[in-house]
C-alpha atoms as a PDB file:
ATOM      1  CA  MET A   1     -10.576  35.408   3.193  1.00  0.00           C
ATOM      2  CA  ASN A   2     -10.589  31.903   1.740  1.00  0.00           C
ATOM      3  CA  GLU A   3     -12.076  31.533  -1.703  1.00  0.00           C
ATOM      4  CA  ALA A   4     -14.787  28.923  -2.129  1.00  0.00           C
ATOM      5  CA  ARG A   5     -14.481  26.305  -4.833  1.00  0.00           C
ATOM      6  CA  ASN A   6     -16.950  26.114  -7.662  1.00  0.00           C
ATOM      7  CA  SER A   7     -16.501  22.363  -8.182  1.00  0.00           C
ATOM      8  CA  PRO A   8     -15.002  19.472  -6.194  1.00  0.00           C
ATOM      9  CA  TYR A   9     -11.549  18.044  -6.794  1.00  0.00           C
ATOM     10  CA  PRO A  10     -11.317  14.528  -8.267  1.00  0.00           C
ATOM     11  CA  SER A  11      -9.861  13.389  -4.934  1.00  0.00           C
ATOM     12  CA  ASP A  12     -12.870  14.627  -2.922  1.00  0.00           C
ATOM     13  CA  LEU A  13     -15.301  12.151  -1.398  1.00  0.00           C
ATOM     14  CA  THR A  14     -18.770  11.908  -2.826  1.00  0.00           C
ATOM     15  CA  ASN A  15     -21.675  11.605  -0.396  1.00  0.00           C
ATOM     16  CA  SER A  16     -21.965   7.877  -1.073  1.00  0.00           C
ATOM     17  CA  GLU A  17     -18.224   7.423  -0.505  1.00  0.00           C
ATOM     18  CA  TRP A  18     -18.405   9.347   2.759  1.00  0.00           C
ATOM     19  CA  LEU A  19     -21.225   7.044   3.911  1.00  0.00           C
ATOM     20  CA  VAL A  20     -18.760   4.163   3.492  1.00  0.00           C
ATOM     21  CA  LEU A  21     -15.895   5.907   5.285  1.00  0.00           C
ATOM     22  CA  GLU A  22     -17.685   7.767   8.076  1.00  0.00           C
ATOM     23  CA  PRO A  23     -18.544   4.740  10.281  1.00  0.00           C
ATOM     24  CA  LEU A  24     -14.877   3.691  10.208  1.00  0.00           C
ATOM     25  CA  MET A  25     -13.495   7.056  11.317  1.00  0.00           C
ATOM     26  CA  PRO A  26     -12.575   7.553  14.998  1.00  0.00           C
ATOM     27  CA  PRO A  27     -15.288   9.435  16.922  1.00  0.00           C
ATOM     28  CA  PRO A  28     -14.525  12.939  18.252  1.00  0.00           C
ATOM     29  CA  ALA A  29     -13.199  13.144  21.796  1.00  0.00           C
ATOM     30  CA  THR A  30     -15.841  13.649  24.474  1.00  0.00           C
ATOM     31  CA  THR A  31     -13.665  16.152  26.334  1.00  0.00           C
ATOM     32  CA  GLY A  32     -11.853  19.314  25.316  1.00  0.00           C
ATOM     33  CA  ARG A  33     -12.742  21.786  22.613  1.00  0.00           C
ATOM     34  CA  PRO A  34     -15.206  20.838  19.867  1.00  0.00           C
ATOM     35  CA  LEU A  35     -13.754  20.052  16.447  1.00  0.00           C
ATOM     36  CA  LYS A  36     -13.055  23.109  14.323  1.00  0.00           C
ATOM     37  CA  TRP A  37     -12.641  21.002  11.188  1.00  0.00           C
ATOM     38  CA  THR A  38     -14.795  17.993  10.359  1.00  0.00           C
ATOM     39  CA  ARG A  39     -13.424  14.502   9.807  1.00  0.00           C
ATOM     40  CA  ARG A  40     -14.531  14.717   6.175  1.00  0.00           C
ATOM     41  CA  GLN A  41     -12.543  17.926   5.609  1.00  0.00           C
ATOM     42  CA  MET A  42      -9.466  16.305   7.127  1.00  0.00           C
ATOM     43  CA  ALA A  43      -9.843  13.182   5.004  1.00  0.00           C
ATOM     44  CA  GLU A  44     -10.355  15.155   1.788  1.00  0.00           C
ATOM     45  CA  ALA A  45      -7.288  17.304   2.500  1.00  0.00           C
ATOM     46  CA  ILE A  46      -5.143  14.188   2.976  1.00  0.00           C
ATOM     47  CA  PHE A  47      -6.552  12.549  -0.171  1.00  0.00           C
ATOM     48  CA  TYR A  48      -5.896  15.761  -2.135  1.00  0.00           C
ATOM     49  CA  LEU A  49      -2.240  15.829  -1.078  1.00  0.00           C
ATOM     50  CA  LEU A  50      -1.868  12.118  -1.821  1.00  0.00           C
ATOM     51  CA  ARG A  51      -3.430  12.341  -5.283  1.00  0.00           C
ATOM     52  CA  SER A  52      -1.898  15.655  -6.404  1.00  0.00           C
ATOM     53  CA  GLY A  53       1.582  15.136  -4.948  1.00  0.00           C
ATOM     54  CA  CYS A  54       1.827  18.713  -3.648  1.00  0.00           C
ATOM     55  CA  SER A  55       3.904  19.646  -0.607  1.00  0.00           C
ATOM     56  CA  TRP A  56       2.214  20.119   2.752  1.00  0.00           C
ATOM     57  CA  ARG A  57       2.630  23.884   2.677  1.00  0.00           C
ATOM     58  CA  MET A  58       0.911  24.083  -0.719  1.00  0.00           C
ATOM     59  CA  LEU A  59      -2.443  22.666   0.379  1.00  0.00           C
ATOM     60  CA  PRO A  60      -5.223  24.949  -0.978  1.00  0.00           C
ATOM     61  CA  ARG A  61      -6.420  27.477   1.569  1.00  0.00           C
ATOM     62  CA  HIS A  62      -9.993  26.233   1.756  1.00  0.00           C
ATOM     63  CA  PHE A  63      -8.687  23.026   3.355  1.00  0.00           C
ATOM     64  CA  PRO A  64      -7.727  23.039   7.052  1.00  0.00           C
ATOM     65  CA  PRO A  65      -4.255  24.533   7.746  1.00  0.00           C
ATOM     66  CA  TRP A  66      -1.510  22.259   6.467  1.00  0.00           C
ATOM     67  CA  ASN A  67       0.125  21.811   9.879  1.00  0.00           C
ATOM     68  CA  THR A  68      -3.237  20.768  11.350  1.00  0.00           C
ATOM     69  CA  VAL A  69      -3.765  18.187   8.601  1.00  0.00           C
ATOM     70  CA  HIS A  70      -0.182  16.933   8.941  1.00  0.00           C
ATOM     71  CA  SER A  71      -0.508  16.527  12.712  1.00  0.00           C
ATOM     72  CA  GLN A  72      -3.794  14.665  12.277  1.00  0.00           C
ATOM     73  CA  LEU A  73      -2.244  12.277   9.758  1.00  0.00           C
ATOM     74  CA  LEU A  74       0.633  11.495  12.115  1.00  0.00           C
ATOM     75  CA  ARG A  75      -1.783  10.844  14.996  1.00  0.00           C
ATOM     76  CA  TRP A  76      -3.856   8.480  12.870  1.00  0.00           C
ATOM     77  CA  ARG A  77      -0.647   6.781  11.707  1.00  0.00           C
ATOM     78  CA  ASP A  78       0.747   6.296  15.216  1.00  0.00           C
ATOM     79  CA  ASP A  79      -2.452   5.222  16.995  1.00  0.00           C
ATOM     80  CA  GLY A  80      -3.249   2.575  14.372  1.00  0.00           C
ATOM     81  CA  THR A  81      -6.316   4.321  12.931  1.00  0.00           C
ATOM     82  CA  LEU A  82      -5.096   4.097   9.333  1.00  0.00           C
ATOM     83  CA  GLN A  83      -4.209   0.421   9.719  1.00  0.00           C
ATOM     84  CA  ARG A  84      -7.600  -0.443  11.225  1.00  0.00           C
ATOM     85  CA  LEU A  85      -9.443   1.594   8.589  1.00  0.00           C
ATOM     86  CA  HIS A  86      -7.540  -0.071   5.746  1.00  0.00           C
ATOM     87  CA  THR A  87      -8.110  -3.570   7.161  1.00  0.00           C
ATOM     88  CA  ALA A  88     -11.839  -2.947   7.581  1.00  0.00           C
ATOM     89  CA  LEU A  89     -12.151  -1.644   4.017  1.00  0.00           C
ATOM     90  CA  ARG A  90     -10.217  -4.619   2.658  1.00  0.00           C
ATOM     91  CA  ASP A  91     -12.489  -7.083   4.470  1.00  0.00           C
ATOM     92  CA  MET A  92     -15.552  -5.252   3.151  1.00  0.00           C
ATOM     93  CA  THR A  93     -14.190  -5.207  -0.396  1.00  0.00           C
ATOM     94  CA  ARG A  94     -13.375  -8.918  -0.365  1.00  0.00           C
ATOM     95  CA  THR A  95     -16.804  -9.744   1.042  1.00  0.00           C
ATOM     96  CA  ALA A  96     -18.528  -7.576  -1.575  1.00  0.00           C
ATOM     97  CA  ALA A  97     -16.640  -9.501  -4.277  1.00  0.00           C
ATOM     98  CA  GLY A  98     -17.862 -12.830  -2.889  1.00  0.00           C
ATOM     99  CA  ARG A  99     -14.568 -13.756  -1.231  1.00  0.00           C
ATOM    100  CA  ALA A 100     -13.774 -14.753   2.327  1.00  0.00           C
ATOM    101  CA  GLU A 101     -12.399 -11.974   4.535  1.00  0.00           C
ATOM    102  CA  GLU A 102      -9.117 -13.832   5.104  1.00  0.00           C
ATOM    103  CA  PRO A 103      -7.103 -14.811   1.995  1.00  0.00           C
ATOM    104  CA  THR A 104      -5.445 -18.190   1.476  1.00  0.00           C
ATOM    105  CA  ALA A 105      -2.927 -17.093  -1.180  1.00  0.00           C
ATOM    106  CA  ALA A 106      -0.839 -13.970  -1.750  1.00  0.00           C
ATOM    107  CA  ILE A 107       1.906 -12.461  -3.926  1.00  0.00           C
ATOM    108  CA  VAL A 108       5.024 -10.657  -2.674  1.00  0.00           C
ATOM    109  CA  ASP A 109       7.324  -8.218  -4.469  1.00  0.00           C
ATOM    110  CA  SER A 110       9.247  -4.980  -3.973  1.00  0.00           C
ATOM    111  CA  GLN A 111       9.555  -1.634  -5.761  1.00  0.00           C
ATOM    112  CA  THR A 112      12.452   0.825  -5.553  1.00  0.00           C
ATOM    113  CA  ALA A 113      11.419   4.465  -5.163  1.00  0.00           C
ATOM    114  CA  ARG A 114      13.854   7.279  -5.915  1.00  0.00           C
ATOM    115  CA  ALA A 115      14.586   9.579  -2.989  1.00  0.00           C
ATOM    116  CA  ALA A 116      13.521  13.201  -3.386  1.00  0.00           C
ATOM    117  CA  GLY A 117      16.373  14.647  -1.338  1.00  0.00           C
ATOM    118  CA  CYS A 118      14.278  15.584   1.687  1.00  0.00           C
ATOM    119  CA  GLY A 119      16.362  13.549   4.129  1.00  0.00           C
ATOM    120  CA  GLY A 120      15.259  10.888   6.559  1.00  0.00           C
ATOM    121  CA  THR A 121      16.329   7.415   7.631  1.00  0.00           C
ATOM    122  CA  GLU A 122      16.523   4.120   5.749  1.00  0.00           C
ATOM    123  CA  ARG A 123      18.111   5.362   2.531  1.00  0.00           C
ATOM    124  CA  GLY A 124      20.410   3.325   0.311  1.00  0.00           C
ATOM    125  CA  TYR A 125      21.593   2.633  -3.232  1.00  0.00           C
ATOM    126  CA  ASP A 126      19.968  -0.114  -5.302  1.00  0.00           C
ATOM    127  CA  GLY A 127      22.713  -1.269  -7.658  1.00  0.00           C
ATOM    128  CA  GLY A 128      20.320  -3.259  -9.848  1.00  0.00           C
ATOM    129  CA  LYS A 129      18.051  -0.274 -10.500  1.00  0.00           C
ATOM    130  CA  LYS A 130      20.869   2.300 -10.161  1.00  0.00           C
ATOM    131  CA  THR A 131      18.636   4.277  -7.840  1.00  0.00           C
ATOM    132  CA  THR A 132      19.182   5.912  -4.459  1.00  0.00           C
ATOM    133  CA  GLY A 133      16.153   5.707  -2.205  1.00  0.00           C
ATOM    134  CA  ARG A 134      13.985   3.129  -0.487  1.00  0.00           C
ATOM    135  CA  LYS A 135      12.331  -0.176  -1.341  1.00  0.00           C
ATOM    136  CA  ARG A 136       8.614  -0.703  -0.787  1.00  0.00           C
ATOM    137  CA  HIS A 137       7.819  -4.301   0.020  1.00  0.00           C
ATOM    138  CA  ILE A 138       4.200  -5.411  -0.247  1.00  0.00           C
ATOM    139  CA  LEU A 139       2.184  -8.595   0.115  1.00  0.00           C
ATOM    140  CA  VAL A 140      -1.128  -8.576  -1.771  1.00  0.00           C
ATOM    141  CA  ASP A 141      -4.009 -11.015  -2.149  1.00  0.00           C
ATOM    142  CA  THR A 142      -5.018 -12.522  -5.487  1.00  0.00           C
ATOM    143  CA  ALA A 143      -7.234  -9.489  -6.174  1.00  0.00           C
ATOM    144  CA  GLY A 144      -4.323  -7.092  -5.654  1.00  0.00           C
ATOM    145  CA  LEU A 145      -5.490  -5.733  -2.287  1.00  0.00           C
ATOM    146  CA  LEU A 146      -2.761  -4.816   0.178  1.00  0.00           C
ATOM    147  CA  LEU A 147      -2.147  -7.261   3.039  1.00  0.00           C
ATOM    148  CA  LEU A 148       1.253  -6.225   4.417  1.00  0.00           C
ATOM    149  CA  ALA A 149       3.626  -3.355   3.625  1.00  0.00           C
ATOM    150  CA  HIS A 150       7.150  -2.483   4.724  1.00  0.00           C
ATOM    151  CA  VAL A 151       9.626   0.219   3.672  1.00  0.00           C
ATOM    152  CA  HIS A 152      13.402  -0.114   4.007  1.00  0.00           C
ATOM    153  CA  ALA A 153      16.648   1.092   2.446  1.00  0.00           C
ATOM    154  CA  ALA A 154      17.097   0.311  -1.246  1.00  0.00           C
ATOM    155  CA  ASN A 155      20.411  -1.494  -0.661  1.00  0.00           C
ATOM    156  CA  VAL A 156      18.721  -4.181   1.484  1.00  0.00           C
ATOM    157  CA  HIS A 157      18.206  -7.483  -0.325  1.00  0.00           C
ATOM    158  CA  ASP A 158      14.644  -8.474  -1.160  1.00  0.00           C
ATOM    159  CA  THR A 159      14.691 -11.547   1.088  1.00  0.00           C
ATOM    160  CA  VAL A 160      15.863  -9.462   4.067  1.00  0.00           C
ATOM    161  CA  GLY A 161      13.183  -6.840   3.446  1.00  0.00           C
ATOM    162  CA  ALA A 162      10.469  -9.473   3.049  1.00  0.00           C
ATOM    163  CA  ARG A 163      11.568 -11.120   6.282  1.00  0.00           C
ATOM    164  CA  GLU A 164      11.384  -7.779   8.100  1.00  0.00           C
ATOM    165  CA  MET A 165       7.877  -7.259   6.702  1.00  0.00           C
ATOM    166  CA  VAL A 166       6.671 -10.639   7.961  1.00  0.00           C
ATOM    167  CA  GLU A 167       8.343 -10.245  11.365  1.00  0.00           C
ATOM    168  CA  ALA A 168       6.740  -6.813  11.844  1.00  0.00           C
ATOM    169  CA  ALA A 169       3.254  -8.278  11.289  1.00  0.00           C
ATOM    170  CA  SER A 170       1.258  -9.696  14.168  1.00  0.00           C
ATOM    171  CA  PRO A 171       1.650 -13.483  14.587  1.00  0.00           C
ATOM    172  CA  SER A 172      -2.148 -13.741  14.374  1.00  0.00           C
ATOM    173  CA  ALA A 173      -2.334 -11.803  11.097  1.00  0.00           C
ATOM    174  CA  LEU A 174      -3.488 -13.657   7.976  1.00  0.00           C
ATOM    175  CA  PRO A 175      -4.390 -16.896   9.780  1.00  0.00           C
ATOM    176  CA  ARG A 176      -5.679 -18.702   6.648  1.00  0.00           C
ATOM    177  CA  LEU A 177      -2.764 -17.808   4.374  1.00  0.00           C
ATOM    178  CA  ASP A 178      -1.036 -20.886   2.981  1.00  0.00           C
ATOM    179  CA  LEU A 179       0.604 -20.024  -0.356  1.00  0.00           C
ATOM    180  CA  VAL A 180       2.829 -17.110  -1.417  1.00  0.00           C
ATOM    181  CA  TRP A 181       3.825 -16.567  -5.041  1.00  0.00           C
ATOM    182  CA  ALA A 182       7.123 -14.765  -5.627  1.00  0.00           C
ATOM    183  CA  ASP A 183       9.998 -14.411  -8.058  1.00  0.00           C
ATOM    184  CA  ARG A 184      13.261 -16.348  -7.933  1.00  0.00           C
ATOM    185  CA  ALA A 185      14.892 -13.848  -5.549  1.00  0.00           C
ATOM    186  CA  TYR A 186      12.838 -15.298  -2.702  1.00  0.00           C
ATOM    187  CA  VAL A 187      13.801 -18.969  -3.048  1.00  0.00           C
ATOM    188  CA  GLY A 188      16.321 -20.674  -0.790  1.00  0.00           C
ATOM    189  CA  PRO A 189      16.769 -19.819   2.890  1.00  0.00           C
ATOM    190  CA  PHE A 190      13.911 -17.295   2.911  1.00  0.00           C
ATOM    191  CA  SER A 191      11.323 -19.781   1.656  1.00  0.00           C
ATOM    192  CA  LYS A 192      12.474 -22.314   4.261  1.00  0.00           C
ATOM    193  CA  TRP A 193      12.321 -19.679   7.007  1.00  0.00           C
ATOM    194  CA  LEU A 194       8.838 -18.579   5.929  1.00  0.00           C
ATOM    195  CA  LYS A 195       7.583 -22.168   6.035  1.00  0.00           C
ATOM    196  CA  GLU A 196       9.001 -22.682   9.524  1.00  0.00           C
ATOM    197  CA  LYS A 197       7.947 -19.267  10.854  1.00  0.00           C
ATOM    198  CA  ARG A 198       4.415 -18.956   9.466  1.00  0.00           C
ATOM    199  CA  GLY A 199       3.688 -22.190   7.646  1.00  0.00           C
ATOM    200  CA  TRP A 200       3.484 -20.354   4.309  1.00  0.00           C
ATOM    201  CA  ARG A 201       4.917 -22.158   1.307  1.00  0.00           C
ATOM    202  CA  VAL A 202       6.550 -20.242  -1.551  1.00  0.00           C
ATOM    203  CA  GLU A 203       5.964 -21.027  -5.218  1.00  0.00           C
ATOM    204  CA  ILE A 204       7.687 -19.400  -8.201  1.00  0.00           C
ATOM    205  CA  PRO A 205       5.481 -18.835 -11.290  1.00  0.00           C
ATOM    206  CA  PHE A 206       7.461 -19.039 -14.505  1.00  0.00           C
ATOM    207  CA  HIS A 207       7.183 -17.169 -17.791  1.00  0.00           C
ATOM    208  CA  ALA A 208       5.252 -19.008 -20.509  1.00  0.00           C
ATOM    209  CA  ALA A 209       8.455 -19.626 -22.462  1.00  0.00           C
ATOM    210  CA  ARG A 210       9.962 -21.255 -19.373  1.00  0.00           C
ATOM    211  CA  GLN A 211       6.847 -23.427 -19.023  1.00  0.00           C
ATOM    212  CA  VAL A 212       7.521 -24.805 -22.517  1.00  0.00           C
ATOM    213  CA  TRP A 213      11.002 -25.908 -21.493  1.00  0.00           C
ATOM    214  CA  ARG A 214       9.923 -27.159 -18.069  1.00  0.00           C
ATOM    215  CA  TYR A 215       6.946 -29.257 -19.107  1.00  0.00           C
ATOM    216  CA  GLY A 216       7.971 -30.169 -22.644  1.00  0.00           C
ATOM    217  CA  LEU A 217       5.046 -28.473 -24.368  1.00  0.00           C
ATOM    218  CA  GLU A 218       4.957 -28.808 -28.146  1.00  0.00           C
ATOM    219  CA  GLU A 219       4.251 -25.221 -29.201  1.00  0.00           C
ATOM    220  CA  LYS A 220       6.139 -22.216 -27.849  1.00  0.00           C
ATOM    221  CA  PRO A 221       3.930 -19.128 -27.272  1.00  0.00           C
ATOM    222  CA  LYS A 222       4.731 -16.043 -29.314  1.00  0.00           C
ATOM    223  CA  GLY A 223       4.832 -12.348 -28.397  1.00  0.00           C
ATOM    224  CA  PHE A 224       4.646 -10.760 -24.973  1.00  0.00           C
ATOM    225  CA  GLN A 225       3.556 -13.147 -22.236  1.00  0.00           C
ATOM    226  CA  VAL A 226       2.418 -12.113 -18.756  1.00  0.00           C
ATOM    227  CA  ILE A 227       4.008 -14.052 -15.910  1.00  0.00           C
ATOM    228  CA  PRO A 228       1.184 -15.876 -14.111  1.00  0.00           C
ATOM    229  CA  ARG A 229       0.208 -14.553 -10.680  1.00  0.00           C
ATOM    230  CA  ARG A 230       3.113 -12.105 -10.408  1.00  0.00           C
ATOM    231  CA  TRP A 231       1.350  -9.547 -12.627  1.00  0.00           C
ATOM    232  CA  VAL A 232      -1.160  -8.964  -9.804  1.00  0.00           C
ATOM    233  CA  VAL A 233       1.370  -7.337  -7.485  1.00  0.00           C
ATOM    234  CA  GLU A 234       2.769  -5.266 -10.341  1.00  0.00           C
ATOM    235  CA  ARG A 235      -0.748  -3.981 -11.009  1.00  0.00           C
ATOM    236  CA  THR A 236      -1.039  -2.958  -7.345  1.00  0.00           C
ATOM    237  CA  PHE A 237       2.147  -0.907  -7.648  1.00  0.00           C
ATOM    238  CA  ALA A 238       0.620   0.712 -10.752  1.00  0.00           C
ATOM    239  CA  TRP A 239      -2.570   1.513  -8.820  1.00  0.00           C
ATOM    240  CA  MET A 240      -0.581   3.217  -6.078  1.00  0.00           C
ATOM    241  CA  SER A 241       1.562   5.142  -8.560  1.00  0.00           C
ATOM    242  CA  ARG A 242      -1.543   7.057  -9.655  1.00  0.00           C
ATOM    243  CA  SER A 243      -1.182   8.856  -6.325  1.00  0.00           C
ATOM    244  CA  ARG A 244       1.571  11.303  -7.198  1.00  0.00           C
ATOM    245  CA  ARG A 245       2.763  11.596  -3.619  1.00  0.00           C
ATOM    246  CA  LEU A 246       4.059   8.024  -4.086  1.00  0.00           C
ATOM    247  CA  ALA A 247       5.798   8.732  -7.405  1.00  0.00           C
ATOM    248  CA  ARG A 248       8.961   9.441  -5.425  1.00  0.00           C
ATOM    249  CA  ASP A 249       9.933   9.074  -1.797  1.00  0.00           C
ATOM    250  CA  TYR A 250       9.158  12.454  -0.214  1.00  0.00           C
ATOM    251  CA  GLU A 251       8.784  11.267   3.388  1.00  0.00           C
ATOM    252  CA  ARG A 252      11.370  11.513   6.145  1.00  0.00           C
ATOM    253  CA  ASN A 253       9.885   8.619   8.124  1.00  0.00           C
ATOM    254  CA  PRO A 254       9.448   5.193   6.439  1.00  0.00           C
ATOM    255  CA  SER A 255       6.276   4.595   8.474  1.00  0.00           C
ATOM    256  CA  THR A 256       4.709   7.622   6.758  1.00  0.00           C
ATOM    257  CA  VAL A 257       5.335   5.963   3.380  1.00  0.00           C
ATOM    258  CA  VAL A 258       3.475   2.875   4.615  1.00  0.00           C
ATOM    259  CA  ALA A 259       0.625   5.132   5.764  1.00  0.00           C
ATOM    260  CA  MET A 260       0.474   6.771   2.331  1.00  0.00           C
ATOM    261  CA  MET A 261       0.340   3.344   0.658  1.00  0.00           C
ATOM    262  CA  GLN A 262      -2.526   2.302   2.933  1.00  0.00           C
ATOM    263  CA  LEU A 263      -4.347   5.557   2.171  1.00  0.00           C
ATOM    264  CA  ALA A 264      -3.915   5.106  -1.585  1.00  0.00           C
ATOM    265  CA  MET A 265      -5.389   1.606  -1.433  1.00  0.00           C
ATOM    266  CA  SER A 266      -8.127   2.748   0.966  1.00  0.00           C
ATOM    267  CA  ARG A 267      -9.215   5.422  -1.509  1.00  0.00           C
ATOM    268  CA  ILE A 268      -9.501   2.792  -4.254  1.00  0.00           C
ATOM    269  CA  MET A 269     -11.562   0.500  -2.027  1.00  0.00           C
ATOM    270  CA  ILE A 270     -13.870   3.314  -0.890  1.00  0.00           C
ATOM    271  CA  ARG A 271     -14.658   4.063  -4.532  1.00  0.00           C
ATOM    272  CA  ARG A 272     -15.393   0.408  -5.239  1.00  0.00           C
ATOM    273  CA  LEU A 273     -17.648   0.004  -2.210  1.00  0.00           C
ATOM    274  CA  ALA A 274     -19.604   3.160  -3.016  1.00  0.00           C
END
């Protein structure tokens, strides 16, 4: 017999958070057997695994069976439910902050995640980071909210991965976007291609010390200086790293990693909206 919990997990949804999420969840099918497990139980089981970093087979017994939760996650990943849910939450979060739903500027960067040895496709060796695994490419708005995400082998150059990310997105996605901030790895042919393909121009923010040399400022700043604009995407990676399932690459399928990234950001936005 399953043992009941005395208190909720930190990853569980409060009633106010569930009121935000429930209208965005897919309705139960009108045919077939009635649901044995509620949508809220499924969501809380997935959020628990994401936050705690446990393996599927180690889900606590009071959650639905692990294989049921896993199958549900894959269905929501493949039918676009997670993408639609994340997009709706992002639009709501931007609107609540007094912003327009569609951003006009964004920041792009990548992060190399060490492989956990569970197998799967799209694995490679990043010589710069001396790490075997995958790269996670993301495009975020100026508030750090996720716009696009793509996962590829770690030995793929950043410009190639960013191009794959943009090509995988719908041509109608991000219609108001005009400016993308990036680091120097993205200049050259990629910036020209991005301007021709989407009409997005690329700008490279420089470190404060570089600004002194570039603009001939009189006084050089001292101590640690944050690179303008680019710190936003680094903060987003830090937000996602709080979900221990994303601390390493445990997934066999790269699309599951993207789903986990969307879920991690969705959980943050649900908390903000509630």
